[in-house]
C-alpha atoms as a PDB file:
ATOM      1  CA  MET A   1     111.779  49.266  71.989  1.00  0.00           C
ATOM      2  CA  ASN A   2     113.611  48.897  75.254  1.00  0.00           C
ATOM      3  CA  ILE A   3     114.318  45.178  75.542  1.00  0.00           C
ATOM      4  CA  ALA A   4     115.318  42.857  78.372  1.00  0.00           C
ATOM      5  CA  VAL A   5     117.255  39.667  77.714  1.00  0.00           C
ATOM      6  CA  ILE A   6     115.956  36.921  79.963  1.00  0.00           C
ATOM      7  CA  SER A   7     118.941  34.653  80.675  1.00  0.00           C
ATOM      8  CA  TYR A   8     122.163  34.041  78.786  1.00  0.00           C
ATOM      9  CA  TRP A   9     121.765  30.279  79.221  1.00  0.00           C
ATOM     10  CA  HIS A  10     121.310  29.737  75.479  1.00  0.00           C
ATOM     11  CA  VAL A  11     124.249  30.001  73.092  1.00  0.00           C
ATOM     12  CA  HIS A  12     122.232  32.376  70.882  1.00  0.00           C
ATOM     13  CA  ALA A  13     121.521  34.958  73.598  1.00  0.00           C
ATOM     14  CA  GLU A  14     124.658  36.998  73.025  1.00  0.00           C
ATOM     15  CA  GLY A  15     124.096  36.959  69.267  1.00  0.00           C
ATOM     16  CA  TYR A  16     120.515  38.183  69.658  1.00  0.00           C
ATOM     17  CA  THR A  17     121.731  41.020  71.859  1.00  0.00           C
ATOM     18  CA  LYS A  18     124.231  42.117  69.219  1.00  0.00           C
ATOM     19  CA  GLU A  19     121.652  41.850  66.419  1.00  0.00           C
ATOM     20  CA  ILE A  20     119.236  44.063  68.339  1.00  0.00           C
ATOM     21  CA  THR A  21     121.822  46.714  69.179  1.00  0.00           C
ATOM     22  CA  GLU A  22     123.604  46.699  65.818  1.00  0.00           C
ATOM     23  CA  LYS A  23     120.739  46.174  63.346  1.00  0.00           C
ATOM     24  CA  THR A  24     117.738  47.921  64.909  1.00  0.00           C
ATOM     25  CA  ASP A  25     116.911  51.150  66.734  1.00  0.00           C
ATOM     26  CA  SER A  26     115.926  49.172  69.827  1.00  0.00           C
ATOM     27  CA  LYS A  27     118.114  48.909  72.906  1.00  0.00           C
ATOM     28  CA  VAL A  28     118.910  46.142  75.373  1.00  0.00           C
ATOM     29  CA  THR A  29     118.422  47.971  78.648  1.00  0.00           C
ATOM     30  CA  ALA A  30     117.946  45.128  81.129  1.00  0.00           C
ATOM     31  CA  VAL A  31     119.038  41.587  81.927  1.00  0.00           C
ATOM     32  CA  TRP A  32     117.705  38.880  84.208  1.00  0.00           C
ATOM     33  CA  ASP A  33     119.371  35.496  84.587  1.00  0.00           C
ATOM     34  CA  GLU A  34     118.720  32.493  86.802  1.00  0.00           C
ATOM     35  CA  ASN A  35     122.520  32.429  87.181  1.00  0.00           C
ATOM     36  CA  MET A  36     123.265  35.752  88.882  1.00  0.00           C
ATOM     37  CA  GLU A  37     126.987  35.743  88.129  1.00  0.00           C
ATOM     38  CA  ARG A  38     126.403  35.129  84.423  1.00  0.00           C
ATOM     39  CA  GLY A  39     123.640  37.705  84.301  1.00  0.00           C
ATOM     40  CA  ARG A  40     125.753  40.417  85.902  1.00  0.00           C
ATOM     41  CA  LYS A  41     128.592  39.630  83.506  1.00  0.00           C
ATOM     42  CA  TYR A  42     126.468  40.161  80.406  1.00  0.00           C
ATOM     43  CA  ALA A  43     124.639  43.137  81.868  1.00  0.00           C
ATOM     44  CA  ASP A  44     128.010  44.811  82.394  1.00  0.00           C
ATOM     45  CA  GLN A  45     129.194  43.781  78.927  1.00  0.00           C
ATOM     46  CA  PHE A  46     126.175  45.341  77.226  1.00  0.00           C
ATOM     47  CA  HIS A  47     125.777  48.282  79.617  1.00  0.00           C
ATOM     48  CA  ALA A  48     122.355  47.119  80.772  1.00  0.00           C
ATOM     49  CA  LYS A  49     120.736  47.048  84.205  1.00  0.00           C
ATOM     50  CA  PHE A  50     120.791  43.684  85.953  1.00  0.00           C
ATOM     51  CA  TYR A  51     117.642  42.612  87.774  1.00  0.00           C
ATOM     52  CA  GLN A  52     117.960  39.916  90.412  1.00  0.00           C
ATOM     53  CA  ASN A  53     114.162  39.651  90.626  1.00  0.00           C
ATOM     54  CA  TYR A  54     112.215  38.798  87.456  1.00  0.00           C
ATOM     55  CA  GLU A  55     108.945  40.279  88.715  1.00  0.00           C
ATOM     56  CA  GLU A  56     110.730  43.564  89.435  1.00  0.00           C
ATOM     57  CA  LEU A  57     112.014  43.620  85.854  1.00  0.00           C
ATOM     58  CA  LEU A  58     108.520  42.997  84.491  1.00  0.00           C
ATOM     59  CA  SER A  59     107.134  45.825  86.610  1.00  0.00           C
ATOM     60  CA  ASP A  60     109.518  48.287  84.940  1.00  0.00           C
ATOM     61  CA  LYS A  61     107.244  50.243  82.586  1.00  0.00           C
ATOM     62  CA  THR A  62     110.200  51.397  80.482  1.00  0.00           C
ATOM     63  CA  ILE A  63     110.801  47.818  79.274  1.00  0.00           C
ATOM     64  CA  ASP A  64     108.710  47.060  76.189  1.00  0.00           C
ATOM     65  CA  GLY A  65     109.759  43.515  75.303  1.00  0.00           C
ATOM     66  CA  VAL A  66     111.696  40.465  76.461  1.00  0.00           C
ATOM     67  CA  VAL A  67     113.940  37.964  74.702  1.00  0.00           C
ATOM     68  CA  ILE A  68     113.523  34.537  76.306  1.00  0.00           C
ATOM     69  CA  THR A  69     116.787  32.575  76.084  1.00  0.00           C
ATOM     70  CA  SER A  70     116.509  30.673  79.343  1.00  0.00           C
ATOM     71  CA  PRO A  71     116.523  26.890  79.814  1.00  0.00           C
ATOM     72  CA  THR A  72     113.637  25.538  77.735  1.00  0.00           C
ATOM     73  CA  SER A  73     112.089  24.049  80.866  1.00  0.00           C
ATOM     74  CA  MET A  74     111.613  27.606  82.187  1.00  0.00           C
ATOM     75  CA  HIS A  75     110.012  29.042  79.031  1.00  0.00           C
ATOM     76  CA  LYS A  76     106.367  28.552  79.996  1.00  0.00           C
ATOM     77  CA  GLU A  77     106.569  30.311  83.356  1.00  0.00           C
ATOM     78  CA  LEU A  78     108.753  33.171  82.125  1.00  0.00           C
ATOM     79  CA  ILE A  79     106.706  33.759  78.973  1.00  0.00           C
ATOM     80  CA  LEU A  80     103.328  33.690  80.729  1.00  0.00           C
ATOM     81  CA  LYS A  81     104.509  36.213  83.302  1.00  0.00           C
ATOM     82  CA  ALA A  82     105.852  38.471  80.552  1.00  0.00           C
ATOM     83  CA  ILE A  83     102.589  38.292  78.577  1.00  0.00           C
ATOM     84  CA  HIS A  84     100.501  39.094  81.649  1.00  0.00           C
ATOM     85  CA  ALA A  85     102.818  42.054  82.334  1.00  0.00           C
ATOM     86  CA  GLY A  86     102.061  43.397  78.857  1.00  0.00           C
ATOM     87  CA  LYS A  87     105.508  42.789  77.393  1.00  0.00           C
ATOM     88  CA  LYS A  88     106.151  41.800  73.791  1.00  0.00           C
ATOM     89  CA  VAL A  89     107.854  38.400  73.661  1.00  0.00           C
ATOM     90  CA  PHE A  90     110.538  36.885  71.449  1.00  0.00           C
ATOM     91  CA  SER A  91     111.510  33.296  72.261  1.00  0.00           C
ATOM     92  CA  GLU A  92     114.223  30.887  71.275  1.00  0.00           C
ATOM     93  CA  LYS A  93     112.825  27.675  69.787  1.00  0.00           C
ATOM     94  CA  VAL A  94     111.231  25.454  70.916  1.00  0.00           C
ATOM     95  CA  LEU A  95     108.505  27.474  72.632  1.00  0.00           C
ATOM     96  CA  ALA A  96     107.860  24.867  75.334  1.00  0.00           C
ATOM     97  CA  LEU A  97     108.419  21.199  76.097  1.00  0.00           C
ATOM     98  CA  ALA A  98     104.759  20.172  75.797  1.00  0.00           C
ATOM     99  CA  VAL A  99     101.872  21.130  73.542  1.00  0.00           C
ATOM    100  CA  ALA A 100      99.710  21.727  76.623  1.00  0.00           C
ATOM    101  CA  ASP A 101     102.155  24.433  77.744  1.00  0.00           C
ATOM    102  CA  CYS A 102     102.042  26.047  74.298  1.00  0.00           C
ATOM    103  CA  LEU A 103      98.250  26.134  74.444  1.00  0.00           C
ATOM    104  CA  GLU A 104      98.379  27.949  77.793  1.00  0.00           C
ATOM    105  CA  ILE A 105     100.675  30.526  76.198  1.00  0.00           C
ATOM    106  CA  LYS A 106      98.316  30.831  73.224  1.00  0.00           C
ATOM    107  CA  LYS A 107      95.361  31.479  75.535  1.00  0.00           C
ATOM    108  CA  ALA A 108      97.276  34.222  77.345  1.00  0.00           C
ATOM    109  CA  LEU A 109      98.248  35.823  74.026  1.00  0.00           C
ATOM    110  CA  GLU A 110      94.642  35.761  72.827  1.00  0.00           C
ATOM    111  CA  GLN A 111      93.488  37.421  76.037  1.00  0.00           C
ATOM    112  CA  LYS A 112      96.000  40.215  75.433  1.00  0.00           C
ATOM    113  CA  GLY A 113      95.276  40.404  71.703  1.00  0.00           C
ATOM    114  CA  THR A 114      98.916  39.891  70.788  1.00  0.00           C
ATOM    115  CA  ASP A 115     101.300  37.279  69.358  1.00  0.00           C
ATOM    116  CA  ILE A 116     104.759  35.886  70.037  1.00  0.00           C
ATOM    117  CA  THR A 117     107.769  35.660  67.735  1.00  0.00           C
ATOM    118  CA  LEU A 118     109.794  32.438  67.603  1.00  0.00           C
ATOM    119  CA  SER A 119     113.324  32.125  66.257  1.00  0.00           C
ATOM    120  CA  LEU A 120     112.603  30.150  63.092  1.00  0.00           C
ATOM    121  CA  VAL A 121     115.568  31.756  61.403  1.00  0.00           C
ATOM    122  CA  ARG A 122     116.049  29.367  58.478  1.00  0.00           C
ATOM    123  CA  LYS A 123     112.764  30.578  57.017  1.00  0.00           C
ATOM    124  CA  CYS A 124     114.523  33.879  56.313  1.00  0.00           C
ATOM    125  CA  ASP A 125     117.359  32.304  54.287  1.00  0.00           C
ATOM    126  CA  ARG A 126     117.096  33.043  50.556  1.00  0.00           C
ATOM    127  CA  LYS A 127     118.028  29.449  49.661  1.00  0.00           C
ATOM    128  CA  PHE A 128     115.083  27.999  51.572  1.00  0.00           C
ATOM    129  CA  LEU A 129     112.775  30.772  50.385  1.00  0.00           C
ATOM    130  CA  PHE A 130     113.681  29.758  46.827  1.00  0.00           C
ATOM    131  CA  ALA A 131     113.019  26.088  47.597  1.00  0.00           C
ATOM    132  CA  LYS A 132     109.564  26.900  48.955  1.00  0.00           C
ATOM    133  CA  GLN A 133     108.806  29.009  45.879  1.00  0.00           C
ATOM    134  CA  MET A 134     109.796  26.131  43.606  1.00  0.00           C
ATOM    135  CA  VAL A 135     107.456  23.777  45.448  1.00  0.00           C
ATOM    136  CA  GLN A 136     104.579  26.248  45.488  1.00  0.00           C
ATOM    137  CA  SER A 137     104.967  27.074  41.800  1.00  0.00           C
ATOM    138  CA  GLY A 138     104.653  23.415  40.792  1.00  0.00           C
ATOM    139  CA  ALA A 139     108.054  23.517  39.083  1.00  0.00           C
ATOM    140  CA  LEU A 140     108.920  20.151  40.676  1.00  0.00           C
ATOM    141  CA  GLY A 141     105.506  18.595  40.106  1.00  0.00           C
ATOM    142  CA  GLN A 142     103.783  16.705  42.912  1.00  0.00           C
ATOM    143  CA  ILE A 143     106.273  16.491  45.779  1.00  0.00           C
ATOM    144  CA  THR A 144     106.995  12.940  46.863  1.00  0.00           C
ATOM    145  CA  TYR A 145     110.016  13.196  49.175  1.00  0.00           C
ATOM    146  CA  ALA A 146     112.087  15.734  51.076  1.00  0.00           C
ATOM    147  CA  ARG A 147     114.934  15.469  53.543  1.00  0.00           C
ATOM    148  CA  MET A 148     116.721  18.114  55.579  1.00  0.00           C
ATOM    149  CA  ARG A 149     120.047  17.464  57.288  1.00  0.00           C
ATOM    150  CA  ASN A 150     121.271  19.969  59.874  1.00  0.00           C
ATOM    151  CA  VAL A 151     124.259  18.898  61.968  1.00  0.00           C
ATOM    152  CA  HIS A 152     127.394  20.167  63.692  1.00  0.00           C
ATOM    153  CA  ASN A 153     130.286  18.777  65.739  1.00  0.00           C
ATOM    154  CA  GLY A 154     129.359  20.293  69.091  1.00  0.00           C
ATOM    155  CA  SER A 155     129.672  17.024  71.030  1.00  0.00           C
ATOM    156  CA  ILE A 156     132.844  15.687  69.451  1.00  0.00           C
ATOM    157  CA  GLY A 157     134.363  19.175  69.311  1.00  0.00           C
ATOM    158  CA  ASN A 158     133.366  19.722  72.954  1.00  0.00           C
ATOM    159  CA  TRP A 159     132.231  23.307  72.412  1.00  0.00           C
ATOM    160  CA  LEU A 160     128.566  22.985  73.387  1.00  0.00           C
ATOM    161  CA  PRO A 161     127.861  24.108  76.965  1.00  0.00           C
ATOM    162  CA  ALA A 162     127.461  21.235  79.421  1.00  0.00           C
ATOM    163  CA  HIS A 163     123.870  22.260  80.173  1.00  0.00           C
ATOM    164  CA  PHE A 164     122.868  21.470  76.575  1.00  0.00           C
ATOM    165  CA  TYR A 165     123.063  17.817  77.641  1.00  0.00           C
ATOM    166  CA  ASP A 166     120.754  18.304  80.640  1.00  0.00           C
ATOM    167  CA  LYS A 167     117.569  16.440  79.770  1.00  0.00           C
ATOM    168  CA  GLU A 168     115.490  18.205  82.418  1.00  0.00           C
ATOM    169  CA  GLN A 169     116.424  21.680  81.191  1.00  0.00           C
ATOM    170  CA  CYS A 170     116.417  20.940  77.449  1.00  0.00           C
ATOM    171  CA  GLY A 171     113.789  18.226  77.088  1.00  0.00           C
ATOM    172  CA  GLY A 172     116.151  16.196  74.918  1.00  0.00           C
ATOM    173  CA  GLY A 173     119.283  16.530  72.846  1.00  0.00           C
ATOM    174  CA  ALA A 174     120.115  17.043  69.208  1.00  0.00           C
ATOM    175  CA  MET A 175     116.606  16.703  67.789  1.00  0.00           C
ATOM    176  CA  ILE A 176     114.872  19.227  70.035  1.00  0.00           C
ATOM    177  CA  ASP A 177     117.732  21.689  69.617  1.00  0.00           C
ATOM    178  CA  LEU A 178     119.408  21.571  66.220  1.00  0.00           C
ATOM    179  CA  GLY A 179     116.757  19.287  64.729  1.00  0.00           C
ATOM    180  CA  ALA A 180     114.129  21.974  65.212  1.00  0.00           C
ATOM    181  CA  HIS A 181     115.332  23.599  61.984  1.00  0.00           C
ATOM    182  CA  PRO A 182     114.638  20.572  59.747  1.00  0.00           C
ATOM    183  CA  MET A 183     111.337  20.025  61.543  1.00  0.00           C
ATOM    184  CA  TYR A 184     109.897  23.482  60.963  1.00  0.00           C
ATOM    185  CA  LEU A 185     111.361  23.782  57.457  1.00  0.00           C
ATOM    186  CA  LEU A 186     109.801  20.511  56.348  1.00  0.00           C
ATOM    187  CA  SER A 187     106.389  21.470  57.738  1.00  0.00           C
ATOM    188  CA  TRP A 188     106.713  24.971  56.231  1.00  0.00           C
ATOM    189  CA  ILE A 189     107.362  23.499  52.781  1.00  0.00           C
ATOM    190  CA  LEU A 190     105.222  20.325  52.901  1.00  0.00           C
ATOM    191  CA  GLY A 191     102.397  21.124  55.320  1.00  0.00           C
ATOM    192  CA  GLU A 192     101.426  19.507  58.618  1.00  0.00           C
ATOM    193  CA  PRO A 193     102.748  15.956  59.063  1.00  0.00           C
ATOM    194  CA  LYS A 194     100.440  13.090  60.002  1.00  0.00           C
ATOM    195  CA  THR A 195     102.851  10.681  61.703  1.00  0.00           C
ATOM    196  CA  VAL A 196     106.469  10.433  62.830  1.00  0.00           C
ATOM    197  CA  GLN A 197     108.859   7.590  63.598  1.00  0.00           C
ATOM    198  CA  SER A 198     112.236   8.273  65.239  1.00  0.00           C
ATOM    199  CA  VAL A 199     115.597   6.652  65.804  1.00  0.00           C
ATOM    200  CA  PHE A 200     117.825   8.504  68.276  1.00  0.00           C
ATOM    201  CA  THR A 201     121.272   7.252  69.304  1.00  0.00           C
ATOM    202  CA  ASN A 202     124.065   8.373  71.577  1.00  0.00           C
ATOM    203  CA  ILE A 203     127.617   8.448  70.245  1.00  0.00           C
ATOM    204  CA  THR A 204     129.405  10.322  73.037  1.00  0.00           C
ATOM    205  CA  GLY A 205     127.698   8.763  76.061  1.00  0.00           C
ATOM    206  CA  ARG A 206     125.968  11.826  77.422  1.00  0.00           C
ATOM    207  CA  GLU A 207     122.473  11.992  78.943  1.00  0.00           C
ATOM    208  CA  VAL A 208     120.682  12.940  75.717  1.00  0.00           C
ATOM    209  CA  GLU A 209     120.817  11.870  72.073  1.00  0.00           C
ATOM    210  CA  ASP A 210     123.492  13.370  69.845  1.00  0.00           C
ATOM    211  CA  ASN A 211     122.586  11.552  66.599  1.00  0.00           C
ATOM    212  CA  ALA A 212     118.975  11.546  65.442  1.00  0.00           C
ATOM    213  CA  VAL A 213     116.592  10.935  62.548  1.00  0.00           C
ATOM    214  CA  SER A 214     112.810  11.322  62.401  1.00  0.00           C
ATOM    215  CA  LEU A 215     110.757   9.984  59.495  1.00  0.00           C
ATOM    216  CA  LEU A 216     107.644  12.050  58.784  1.00  0.00           C
ATOM    217  CA  GLU A 217     104.547  11.131  56.791  1.00  0.00           C
ATOM    218  CA  PHE A 218     102.640  13.990  55.150  1.00  0.00           C
ATOM    219  CA  GLU A 219      99.416  14.204  53.159  1.00  0.00           C
ATOM    220  CA  LYS A 220      99.308  12.735  49.629  1.00  0.00           C
ATOM    221  CA  GLY A 221     101.946  10.146  50.515  1.00  0.00           C
ATOM    222  CA  ILE A 222     104.825  12.611  50.874  1.00  0.00           C
ATOM    223  CA  ILE A 223     107.751  11.380  52.979  1.00  0.00           C
ATOM    224  CA  GLY A 224     109.958  13.816  54.895  1.00  0.00           C
ATOM    225  CA  ILE A 225     113.113  13.089  56.856  1.00  0.00           C
ATOM    226  CA  SER A 226     114.572  15.289  59.594  1.00  0.00           C
ATOM    227  CA  GLU A 227     118.241  14.493  60.221  1.00  0.00           C
ATOM    228  CA  THR A 228     120.380  16.085  62.903  1.00  0.00           C
ATOM    229  CA  GLY A 229     123.230  15.501  65.320  1.00  0.00           C
ATOM    230  CA  PHE A 230     126.101  16.964  67.310  1.00  0.00           C
ATOM    231  CA  VAL A 231     128.656  14.440  66.005  1.00  0.00           C
ATOM    232  CA  SER A 232     129.289  15.315  62.347  1.00  0.00           C
ATOM    233  CA  ASN A 233     132.094  17.322  60.780  1.00  0.00           C
ATOM    234  CA  TYR A 234     132.148  19.359  57.559  1.00  0.00           C
ATOM    235  CA  ASN A 235     128.436  18.908  56.734  1.00  0.00           C
ATOM    236  CA  PRO A 236     126.660  22.044  55.502  1.00  0.00           C
ATOM    237  CA  PRO A 237     122.871  22.289  55.944  1.00  0.00           C
ATOM    238  CA  THR A 238     121.366  20.181  53.167  1.00  0.00           C
ATOM    239  CA  LEU A 239     117.842  20.150  51.779  1.00  0.00           C
ATOM    240  CA  GLU A 240     116.781  17.698  49.080  1.00  0.00           C
ATOM    241  CA  ILE A 241     113.328  17.796  47.504  1.00  0.00           C
ATOM    242  CA  SER A 242     112.015  15.336  44.910  1.00  0.00           C
ATOM    243  CA  GLY A 243     108.849  15.574  42.858  1.00  0.00           C
ATOM    244  CA  THR A 244     107.188  13.938  39.872  1.00  0.00           C
ATOM    245  CA  GLN A 245     108.621  16.560  37.502  1.00  0.00           C
ATOM    246  CA  GLY A 246     111.915  17.545  39.068  1.00  0.00           C
ATOM    247  CA  CYS A 247     114.233  17.741  42.031  1.00  0.00           C
ATOM    248  CA  LEU A 248     116.146  20.371  43.966  1.00  0.00           C
ATOM    249  CA  LEU A 249     119.246  20.320  46.161  1.00  0.00           C
ATOM    250  CA  VAL A 250     120.333  23.011  48.613  1.00  0.00           C
ATOM    251  CA  ARG A 251     123.942  22.437  49.616  1.00  0.00           C
ATOM    252  CA  ASP A 252     126.573  25.161  49.231  1.00  0.00           C
ATOM    253  CA  GLY A 253     124.216  26.825  46.768  1.00  0.00           C
ATOM    254  CA  ILE A 254     121.140  25.614  44.924  1.00  0.00           C
ATOM    255  CA  THR A 255     120.882  23.283  41.957  1.00  0.00           C
ATOM    256  CA  TYR A 256     117.782  21.775  40.394  1.00  0.00           C
ATOM    257  CA  ALA A 257     116.600  19.757  37.419  1.00  0.00           C
ATOM    258  CA  ASN A 258     113.097  19.720  35.975  1.00  0.00           C
ATOM    259  CA  GLN A 259     111.243  19.780  32.695  1.00  0.00           C
ATOM    260  CA  GLU A 260     112.235  23.390  32.018  1.00  0.00           C
ATOM    261  CA  THR A 261     115.934  22.455  32.191  1.00  0.00           C
ATOM    262  CA  GLY A 262     115.402  19.369  30.046  1.00  0.00           C
ATOM    263  CA  GLY A 263     116.313  17.196  33.000  1.00  0.00           C
ATOM    264  CA  LYS A 264     119.786  18.739  33.259  1.00  0.00           C
ATOM    265  CA  TRP A 265     121.057  20.128  36.545  1.00  0.00           C
ATOM    266  CA  ALA A 266     121.120  23.926  36.625  1.00  0.00           C
ATOM    267  CA  SER A 267     122.216  26.450  39.230  1.00  0.00           C
ATOM    268  CA  ALA A 268     119.615  28.829  40.625  1.00  0.00           C
ATOM    269  CA  GLU A 269     120.583  32.331  39.576  1.00  0.00           C
ATOM    270  CA  HIS A 270     117.742  34.582  40.693  1.00  0.00           C
ATOM    271  CA  LEU A 271     117.109  34.121  44.396  1.00  0.00           C
ATOM    272  CA  PRO A 272     114.755  36.098  46.608  1.00  0.00           C
ATOM    273  CA  GLU A 273     116.292  38.513  49.063  1.00  0.00           C
ATOM    274  CA  THR A 274     117.306  37.094  52.427  1.00  0.00           C
ATOM    275  CA  LEU A 275     114.913  38.421  55.056  1.00  0.00           C
ATOM    276  CA  PRO A 276     116.031  40.067  58.287  1.00  0.00           C
ATOM    277  CA  SER A 277     116.219  37.511  61.075  1.00  0.00           C
ATOM    278  CA  PRO A 278     113.130  36.997  63.256  1.00  0.00           C
ATOM    279  CA  VAL A 279     114.705  38.852  66.199  1.00  0.00           C
ATOM    280  CA  VAL A 280     115.559  41.826  63.992  1.00  0.00           C
ATOM    281  CA  GLN A 281     112.045  41.893  62.543  1.00  0.00           C
ATOM    282  CA  TRP A 282     110.568  41.676  66.047  1.00  0.00           C
ATOM    283  CA  ALA A 283     112.850  44.310  67.587  1.00  0.00           C
ATOM    284  CA  SER A 284     112.301  46.717  64.700  1.00  0.00           C
ATOM    285  CA  GLY A 285     108.532  46.250  64.817  1.00  0.00           C
ATOM    286  CA  GLU A 286     108.467  45.509  61.117  1.00  0.00           C
ATOM    287  CA  MET A 287     107.452  41.922  60.470  1.00  0.00           C
ATOM    288  CA  ASN A 288     107.921  40.925  56.830  1.00  0.00           C
ATOM    289  CA  LYS A 289     105.038  41.110  54.404  1.00  0.00           C
ATOM    290  CA  VAL A 290     105.848  38.039  52.281  1.00  0.00           C
ATOM    291  CA  GLY A 291     103.874  35.476  54.239  1.00  0.00           C
ATOM    292  CA  VAL A 292     106.734  34.068  56.311  1.00  0.00           C
ATOM    293  CA  THR A 293     105.468  33.658  59.861  1.00  0.00           C
ATOM    294  CA  PHE A 294     107.089  32.962  63.232  1.00  0.00           C
ATOM    295  CA  GLY A 295     104.045  33.142  65.496  1.00  0.00           C
ATOM    296  CA  ILE A 296     102.161  31.019  67.986  1.00  0.00           C
ATOM    297  CA  GLY A 297     100.682  28.718  65.323  1.00  0.00           C
ATOM    298  CA  ASP A 298     104.163  27.887  64.016  1.00  0.00           C
ATOM    299  CA  ALA A 299     105.398  27.403  67.583  1.00  0.00           C
ATOM    300  CA  ILE A 300     102.622  24.976  68.493  1.00  0.00           C
ATOM    301  CA  LEU A 301     103.167  22.878  65.366  1.00  0.00           C
ATOM    302  CA  LEU A 302     106.899  22.613  66.074  1.00  0.00           C
ATOM    303  CA  THR A 303     106.258  21.442  69.634  1.00  0.00           C
ATOM    304  CA  ARG A 304     103.646  18.960  68.369  1.00  0.00           C
ATOM    305  CA  MET A 305     106.241  17.486  66.026  1.00  0.00           C
ATOM    306  CA  MET A 306     108.889  17.320  68.736  1.00  0.00           C
ATOM    307  CA  GLU A 307     106.573  15.809  71.332  1.00  0.00           C
ATOM    308  CA  ALA A 308     105.542  13.095  68.863  1.00  0.00           C
ATOM    309  CA  ALA A 309     109.145  12.502  67.734  1.00  0.00           C
ATOM    310  CA  TYR A 310     110.325  11.863  71.283  1.00  0.00           C
ATOM    311  CA  LYS A 311     107.273   9.726  72.031  1.00  0.00           C
ATOM    312  CA  SER A 312     108.171   7.600  69.003  1.00  0.00           C
ATOM    313  CA  HIS A 313     111.774   7.298  70.196  1.00  0.00           C
ATOM    314  CA  ARG A 314     110.558   6.001  73.554  1.00  0.00           C
ATOM    315  CA  SER A 315     107.913   3.639  72.147  1.00  0.00           C
ATOM    316  CA  GLY A 316     109.845   2.448  69.117  1.00  0.00           C
ATOM    317  CA  LYS A 317     106.663   2.915  67.102  1.00  0.00           C
ATOM    318  CA  LYS A 318     105.098   5.305  64.620  1.00  0.00           C
ATOM    319  CA  GLU A 319     103.204   8.029  66.466  1.00  0.00           C
ATOM    320  CA  ASN A 320     100.580  10.547  65.383  1.00  0.00           C
ATOM    321  CA  VAL A 321     101.628  14.193  65.270  1.00  0.00           C
END
């Protein structure tokens, strides 16, 4: 495919460009950016054509697909225009700031008979693939509890771009950005949540939260906890799952204890292969065949969870997802 990158606003945009050019046969041939100076810079860096006008880019028949890495607040408009122009679409998570916007995108996709690919990259990691297999196999018994912690030091290390704290562009702070990974991993492993209750705080005094926890209630009494923040050092991504017959911990490797191990902690030795990232799968036109999805259904569920999580933060109450 010939691919256009739509804005280098997001910190992942440059990485996606390199993945496409280095790991697939596709090419990044065009760039559009709401910030013209930034767009021209990256177009020059990657030897691509810069388009000042987005509609002109979409009218270019040589461009097959677009990577949407613009401010989240611009996703809906940019994605709908790309779909109507017949382009294949890859989008940074979250898809949109409201479920209603996601449903408009879904309708457009259905009219074109196509789908979208969202960057749910943790679902490709062999550690989390193993965890899902353990749950599905019943090796941990009936699941009762799971928590996922995904944090970094972007706010206290001052390396996140200033616009990541712009509530209008981002829709929120740590939870809608970094907390998306725990949210979609928990729903991928446990199913659709019923309710959510959130506590978001602000350590560094910026416009949006930088320290956040959402408590999720799933079917059969399962409790899930999504933890995230921009104010923690030296914390690797951590997933803990407990069941009636065992438990599992992902943290610098995988350990678990269940009836087969006699209740003793053991290290996981035979892990599934790590899958190519969603952008590589999308750009290569070869989506995996192992049932790991990154499409519009996954995107809508993630936005549902986020919308409810922020509603709970504002109301101080448990909210339905």
